[in-house]
Amino acid sequence: MYNNPVAPVTGAAAAGVSSGTLAYSGAGDLFWFALAAFAMLALGLAIKRIVPVRAQKG
């Protein structure tokens, strides 16, 4: 295991680490961009709910 230099390279390639695809689904990079956009939107909305709103004068 530790003395075999081919094992980590083969393991990384088999797990799909080097490619941008979701394992065994065929989803490409667009899936990850959509997932990141959803996560950022959810984070922004959560912060907006937590931060108190300033009272307007007038």
PDB file of N, CA and C in Angstrom:
ATOM      1  N   MET A   1       0.811  -1.190   0.000  1.00  0.00           N
ATOM      2  CA  MET A   1       0.000   0.000   0.000  1.00  0.00           C
ATOM      3  C   MET A   1       0.861   1.263   0.000  1.00  0.00           C
ATOM      4  N   TYR A   2       1.775   1.382   0.961  1.00  0.00           N
ATOM      5  CA  TYR A   2       2.592   2.584   1.060  1.00  0.00           C
ATOM      6  C   TYR A   2       3.758   2.589   0.085  1.00  0.00           C
ATOM      7  N   ASN A   3       4.205   1.416  -0.348  1.00  0.00           N
ATOM      8  CA  ASN A   3       5.340   1.334  -1.258  1.00  0.00           C
ATOM      9  C   ASN A   3       4.923   1.295  -2.718  1.00  0.00           C
ATOM     10  N   ASN A   4       3.637   1.340  -3.022  1.00  0.00           N
ATOM     11  CA  ASN A   4       3.158   1.269  -4.386  1.00  0.00           C
ATOM     12  C   ASN A   4       2.872   2.690  -4.886  1.00  0.00           C
ATOM     13  N   PRO A   5       3.720   3.243  -5.780  1.00  0.00           N
ATOM     14  CA  PRO A   5       3.511   4.619  -6.229  1.00  0.00           C
ATOM     15  C   PRO A   5       2.319   4.780  -7.177  1.00  0.00           C
ATOM     16  N   VAL A   6       1.801   3.689  -7.710  1.00  0.00           N
ATOM     17  CA  VAL A   6       0.702   3.774  -8.665  1.00  0.00           C
ATOM     18  C   VAL A   6      -0.648   3.858  -7.948  1.00  0.00           C
ATOM     19  N   ALA A   7      -0.746   3.344  -6.744  1.00  0.00           N
ATOM     20  CA  ALA A   7      -2.028   3.268  -6.036  1.00  0.00           C
ATOM     21  C   ALA A   7      -2.682   4.633  -5.804  1.00  0.00           C
ATOM     22  N   PRO A   8      -1.974   5.659  -5.316  1.00  0.00           N
ATOM     23  CA  PRO A   8      -2.663   6.949  -5.108  1.00  0.00           C
ATOM     24  C   PRO A   8      -3.134   7.591  -6.406  1.00  0.00           C
ATOM     25  N   VAL A   9      -2.363   7.463  -7.473  1.00  0.00           N
ATOM     26  CA  VAL A   9      -2.757   8.056  -8.746  1.00  0.00           C
ATOM     27  C   VAL A   9      -3.993   7.357  -9.288  1.00  0.00           C
ATOM     28  N   THR A  10      -3.997   6.043  -9.221  1.00  0.00           N
ATOM     29  CA  THR A  10      -5.145   5.283  -9.696  1.00  0.00           C
ATOM     30  C   THR A  10      -6.366   5.554  -8.834  1.00  0.00           C
ATOM     31  N   GLY A  11      -6.179   5.653  -7.530  1.00  0.00           N
ATOM     32  CA  GLY A  11      -7.292   5.920  -6.639  1.00  0.00           C
ATOM     33  C   GLY A  11      -7.904   7.284  -6.883  1.00  0.00           C
ATOM     34  N   ALA A  12      -7.073   8.299  -7.119  1.00  0.00           N
ATOM     35  CA  ALA A  12      -7.579   9.650  -7.367  1.00  0.00           C
ATOM     36  C   ALA A  12      -8.323   9.716  -8.695  1.00  0.00           C
ATOM     37  N   ALA A  13      -7.791   9.048  -9.700  1.00  0.00           N
ATOM     38  CA  ALA A  13      -8.462   9.061 -11.002  1.00  0.00           C
ATOM     39  C   ALA A  13      -9.771   8.282 -10.954  1.00  0.00           C
ATOM     40  N   ALA A  14      -9.790   7.198 -10.204  1.00  0.00           N
ATOM     41  CA  ALA A  14     -11.012   6.407 -10.113  1.00  0.00           C
ATOM     42  C   ALA A  14     -12.095   7.137  -9.327  1.00  0.00           C
ATOM     43  N   ALA A  15     -11.682   7.946  -8.367  1.00  0.00           N
ATOM     44  CA  ALA A  15     -12.661   8.667  -7.553  1.00  0.00           C
ATOM     45  C   ALA A  15     -13.169   9.923  -8.241  1.00  0.00           C
ATOM     46  N   GLY A  16     -12.559  10.304  -9.346  1.00  0.00           N
ATOM     47  CA  GLY A  16     -13.011  11.480 -10.065  1.00  0.00           C
ATOM     48  C   GLY A  16     -12.496  12.777  -9.479  1.00  0.00           C
ATOM     49  N   VAL A  17     -11.388  12.702  -8.750  1.00  0.00           N
ATOM     50  CA  VAL A  17     -10.837  13.905  -8.112  1.00  0.00           C
ATOM     51  C   VAL A  17     -10.319  14.875  -9.158  1.00  0.00           C
ATOM     52  N   SER A  18      -9.672  14.362 -10.182  1.00  0.00           N
ATOM     53  CA  SER A  18      -9.076  15.255 -11.166  1.00  0.00           C
ATOM     54  C   SER A  18     -10.099  15.813 -12.153  1.00  0.00           C
ATOM     55  N   SER A  19     -11.227  15.140 -12.305  1.00  0.00           N
ATOM     56  CA  SER A  19     -12.239  15.629 -13.236  1.00  0.00           C
ATOM     57  C   SER A  19     -13.295  16.414 -12.472  1.00  0.00           C
ATOM     58  N   GLY A  20     -14.038  17.256 -13.187  1.00  0.00           N
ATOM     59  CA  GLY A  20     -15.046  18.075 -12.550  1.00  0.00           C
ATOM     60  C   GLY A  20     -16.415  17.444 -12.573  1.00  0.00           C
ATOM     61  N   THR A  21     -16.481  16.140 -12.657  1.00  0.00           N
ATOM     62  CA  THR A  21     -17.783  15.482 -12.769  1.00  0.00           C
ATOM     63  C   THR A  21     -18.173  14.850 -11.448  1.00  0.00           C
ATOM     64  N   LEU A  22     -19.455  14.767 -11.226  1.00  0.00           N
ATOM     65  CA  LEU A  22     -19.967  14.073 -10.061  1.00  0.00           C
ATOM     66  C   LEU A  22     -19.848  12.574 -10.322  1.00  0.00           C
ATOM     67  N   ALA A  23     -19.366  11.829  -9.344  1.00  0.00           N
ATOM     68  CA  ALA A  23     -19.081  10.419  -9.547  1.00  0.00           C
ATOM     69  C   ALA A  23     -20.326   9.640  -9.964  1.00  0.00           C
ATOM     70  N   TYR A  24     -20.216   8.892 -11.032  1.00  0.00           N
ATOM     71  CA  TYR A  24     -21.228   7.973 -11.536  1.00  0.00           C
ATOM     72  C   TYR A  24     -22.520   8.651 -11.991  1.00  0.00           C
ATOM     73  N   SER A  25     -22.540   9.964 -12.152  1.00  0.00           N
ATOM     74  CA  SER A  25     -23.781  10.596 -12.572  1.00  0.00           C
ATOM     75  C   SER A  25     -23.658  11.291 -13.924  1.00  0.00           C
ATOM     76  N   GLY A  26     -22.465  11.651 -14.328  1.00  0.00           N
ATOM     77  CA  GLY A  26     -22.282  12.333 -15.593  1.00  0.00           C
ATOM     78  C   GLY A  26     -22.555  13.825 -15.513  1.00  0.00           C
ATOM     79  N   ALA A  27     -22.854  14.361 -14.321  1.00  0.00           N
ATOM     80  CA  ALA A  27     -23.097  15.795 -14.183  1.00  0.00           C
ATOM     81  C   ALA A  27     -21.777  16.538 -14.316  1.00  0.00           C
ATOM     82  N   GLY A  28     -21.764  17.584 -15.090  1.00  0.00           N
ATOM     83  CA  GLY A  28     -20.534  18.321 -15.343  1.00  0.00           C
ATOM     84  C   GLY A  28     -20.350  19.502 -14.413  1.00  0.00           C
ATOM     85  N   ASP A  29     -19.504  20.433 -14.850  1.00  0.00           N
ATOM     86  CA  ASP A  29     -19.171  21.592 -14.041  1.00  0.00           C
ATOM     87  C   ASP A  29     -20.366  22.515 -13.831  1.00  0.00           C
ATOM     88  N   LEU A  30     -21.319  22.516 -14.744  1.00  0.00           N
ATOM     89  CA  LEU A  30     -22.496  23.367 -14.588  1.00  0.00           C
ATOM     90  C   LEU A  30     -23.257  23.022 -13.314  1.00  0.00           C
ATOM     91  N   PHE A  31     -23.289  21.753 -12.966  1.00  0.00           N
ATOM     92  CA  PHE A  31     -23.936  21.329 -11.721  1.00  0.00           C
ATOM     93  C   PHE A  31     -23.279  21.969 -10.514  1.00  0.00           C
ATOM     94  N   TRP A  32     -21.947  21.995 -10.495  1.00  0.00           N
ATOM     95  CA  TRP A  32     -21.237  22.558  -9.344  1.00  0.00           C
ATOM     96  C   TRP A  32     -21.412  24.064  -9.272  1.00  0.00           C
ATOM     97  N   PHE A  33     -21.455  24.749 -10.425  1.00  0.00           N
ATOM     98  CA  PHE A  33     -21.693  26.194 -10.418  1.00  0.00           C
ATOM     99  C   PHE A  33     -23.105  26.500  -9.922  1.00  0.00           C
ATOM    100  N   ALA A  34     -24.079  25.720 -10.326  1.00  0.00           N
ATOM    101  CA  ALA A  34     -25.454  25.923  -9.861  1.00  0.00           C
ATOM    102  C   ALA A  34     -25.550  25.645  -8.358  1.00  0.00           C
ATOM    103  N   LEU A  35     -24.864  24.624  -7.896  1.00  0.00           N
ATOM    104  CA  LEU A  35     -24.867  24.305  -6.474  1.00  0.00           C
ATOM    105  C   LEU A  35     -24.205  25.410  -5.663  1.00  0.00           C
ATOM    106  N   ALA A  36     -23.104  25.954  -6.163  1.00  0.00           N
ATOM    107  CA  ALA A  36     -22.424  27.050  -5.476  1.00  0.00           C
ATOM    108  C   ALA A  36     -23.285  28.309  -5.467  1.00  0.00           C
ATOM    109  N   ALA A  37     -23.972  28.589  -6.571  1.00  0.00           N
ATOM    110  CA  ALA A  37     -24.845  29.764  -6.631  1.00  0.00           C
ATOM    111  C   ALA A  37     -25.996  29.619  -5.632  1.00  0.00           C
ATOM    112  N   PHE A  38     -26.577  28.440  -5.536  1.00  0.00           N
ATOM    113  CA  PHE A  38     -27.645  28.221  -4.570  1.00  0.00           C
ATOM    114  C   PHE A  38     -27.143  28.384  -3.143  1.00  0.00           C
ATOM    115  N   ALA A  39     -25.960  27.879  -2.864  1.00  0.00           N
ATOM    116  CA  ALA A  39     -25.401  27.993  -1.517  1.00  0.00           C
ATOM    117  C   ALA A  39     -25.119  29.457  -1.166  1.00  0.00           C
ATOM    118  N   MET A  40     -24.595  30.222  -2.114  1.00  0.00           N
ATOM    119  CA  MET A  40     -24.315  31.635  -1.855  1.00  0.00           C
ATOM    120  C   MET A  40     -25.607  32.425  -1.663  1.00  0.00           C
ATOM    121  N   LEU A  41     -26.633  32.113  -2.430  1.00  0.00           N
ATOM    122  CA  LEU A  41     -27.926  32.777  -2.271  1.00  0.00           C
ATOM    123  C   LEU A  41     -28.526  32.459  -0.906  1.00  0.00           C
ATOM    124  N   ALA A  42     -28.465  31.198  -0.502  1.00  0.00           N
ATOM    125  CA  ALA A  42     -28.990  30.800   0.801  1.00  0.00           C
ATOM    126  C   ALA A  42     -28.216  31.477   1.929  1.00  0.00           C
ATOM    127  N   LEU A  43     -26.912  31.582   1.781  1.00  0.00           N
ATOM    128  CA  LEU A  43     -26.100  32.254   2.793  1.00  0.00           C
ATOM    129  C   LEU A  43     -26.454  33.728   2.889  1.00  0.00           C
ATOM    130  N   GLY A  44     -26.608  34.381   1.746  1.00  0.00           N
ATOM    131  CA  GLY A  44     -26.965  35.793   1.737  1.00  0.00           C
ATOM    132  C   GLY A  44     -28.320  36.045   2.372  1.00  0.00           C
ATOM    133  N   LEU A  45     -29.296  35.198   2.070  1.00  0.00           N
ATOM    134  CA  LEU A  45     -30.621  35.360   2.661  1.00  0.00           C
ATOM    135  C   LEU A  45     -30.603  35.085   4.161  1.00  0.00           C
ATOM    136  N   ALA A  46     -29.796  34.138   4.602  1.00  0.00           N
ATOM    137  CA  ALA A  46     -29.690  33.855   6.033  1.00  0.00           C
ATOM    138  C   ALA A  46     -29.050  35.024   6.766  1.00  0.00           C
ATOM    139  N   ILE A  47     -28.013  35.606   6.192  1.00  0.00           N
ATOM    140  CA  ILE A  47     -27.370  36.765   6.818  1.00  0.00           C
ATOM    141  C   ILE A  47     -28.326  37.944   6.853  1.00  0.00           C
ATOM    142  N   LYS A  48     -29.100  38.122   5.783  1.00  0.00           N
ATOM    143  CA  LYS A  48     -30.069  39.219   5.739  1.00  0.00           C
ATOM    144  C   LYS A  48     -31.122  39.078   6.838  1.00  0.00           C
ATOM    145  N   ARG A  49     -31.510  37.855   7.159  1.00  0.00           N
ATOM    146  CA  ARG A  49     -32.485  37.639   8.226  1.00  0.00           C
ATOM    147  C   ARG A  49     -31.880  37.862   9.603  1.00  0.00           C
ATOM    148  N   ILE A  50     -30.586  37.575   9.759  1.00  0.00           N
ATOM    149  CA  ILE A  50     -29.946  37.667  11.070  1.00  0.00           C
ATOM    150  C   ILE A  50     -29.593  39.115  11.423  1.00  0.00           C
ATOM    151  N   VAL A  51     -29.080  39.867  10.456  1.00  0.00           N
ATOM    152  CA  VAL A  51     -28.641  41.242  10.712  1.00  0.00           C
ATOM    153  C   VAL A  51     -29.854  42.126  10.942  1.00  0.00           C
ATOM    154  N   PRO A  52     -29.841  42.894  12.037  1.00  0.00           N
ATOM    155  CA  PRO A  52     -30.997  43.749  12.307  1.00  0.00           C
ATOM    156  C   PRO A  52     -31.136  44.881  11.280  1.00  0.00           C
ATOM    157  N   VAL A  53     -32.367  45.286  11.022  1.00  0.00           N
ATOM    158  CA  VAL A  53     -32.653  46.329  10.060  1.00  0.00           C
ATOM    159  C   VAL A  53     -32.586  47.674  10.776  1.00  0.00           C
ATOM    160  N   ARG A  54     -31.922  48.651  10.157  1.00  0.00           N
ATOM    161  CA  ARG A  54     -31.836  49.983  10.758  1.00  0.00           C
ATOM    162  C   ARG A  54     -33.158  50.717  10.546  1.00  0.00           C
ATOM    163  N   ALA A  55     -33.594  51.402  11.578  1.00  0.00           N
ATOM    164  CA  ALA A  55     -34.845  52.177  11.479  1.00  0.00           C
ATOM    165  C   ALA A  55     -34.589  53.415  10.643  1.00  0.00           C
ATOM    166  N   GLN A  56     -35.503  53.688   9.717  1.00  0.00           N
ATOM    167  CA  GLN A  56     -35.366  54.864   8.851  1.00  0.00           C
ATOM    168  C   GLN A  56     -35.909  56.102   9.565  1.00  0.00           C
ATOM    169  N   LYS A  57     -35.203  57.209   9.368  1.00  0.00           N
ATOM    170  CA  LYS A  57     -35.623  58.467   9.973  1.00  0.00           C
ATOM    171  C   LYS A  57     -36.593  59.161   9.039  1.00  0.00           C
ATOM    172  N   GLY A  58     -37.702  59.569   9.576  1.00  0.00           N
ATOM    173  CA  GLY A  58     -38.663  60.326   8.771  1.00  0.00           C
ATOM    174  C   GLY A  58     -39.786  59.483   8.416  1.00  0.00           C
TER     175      GLY A  58
END
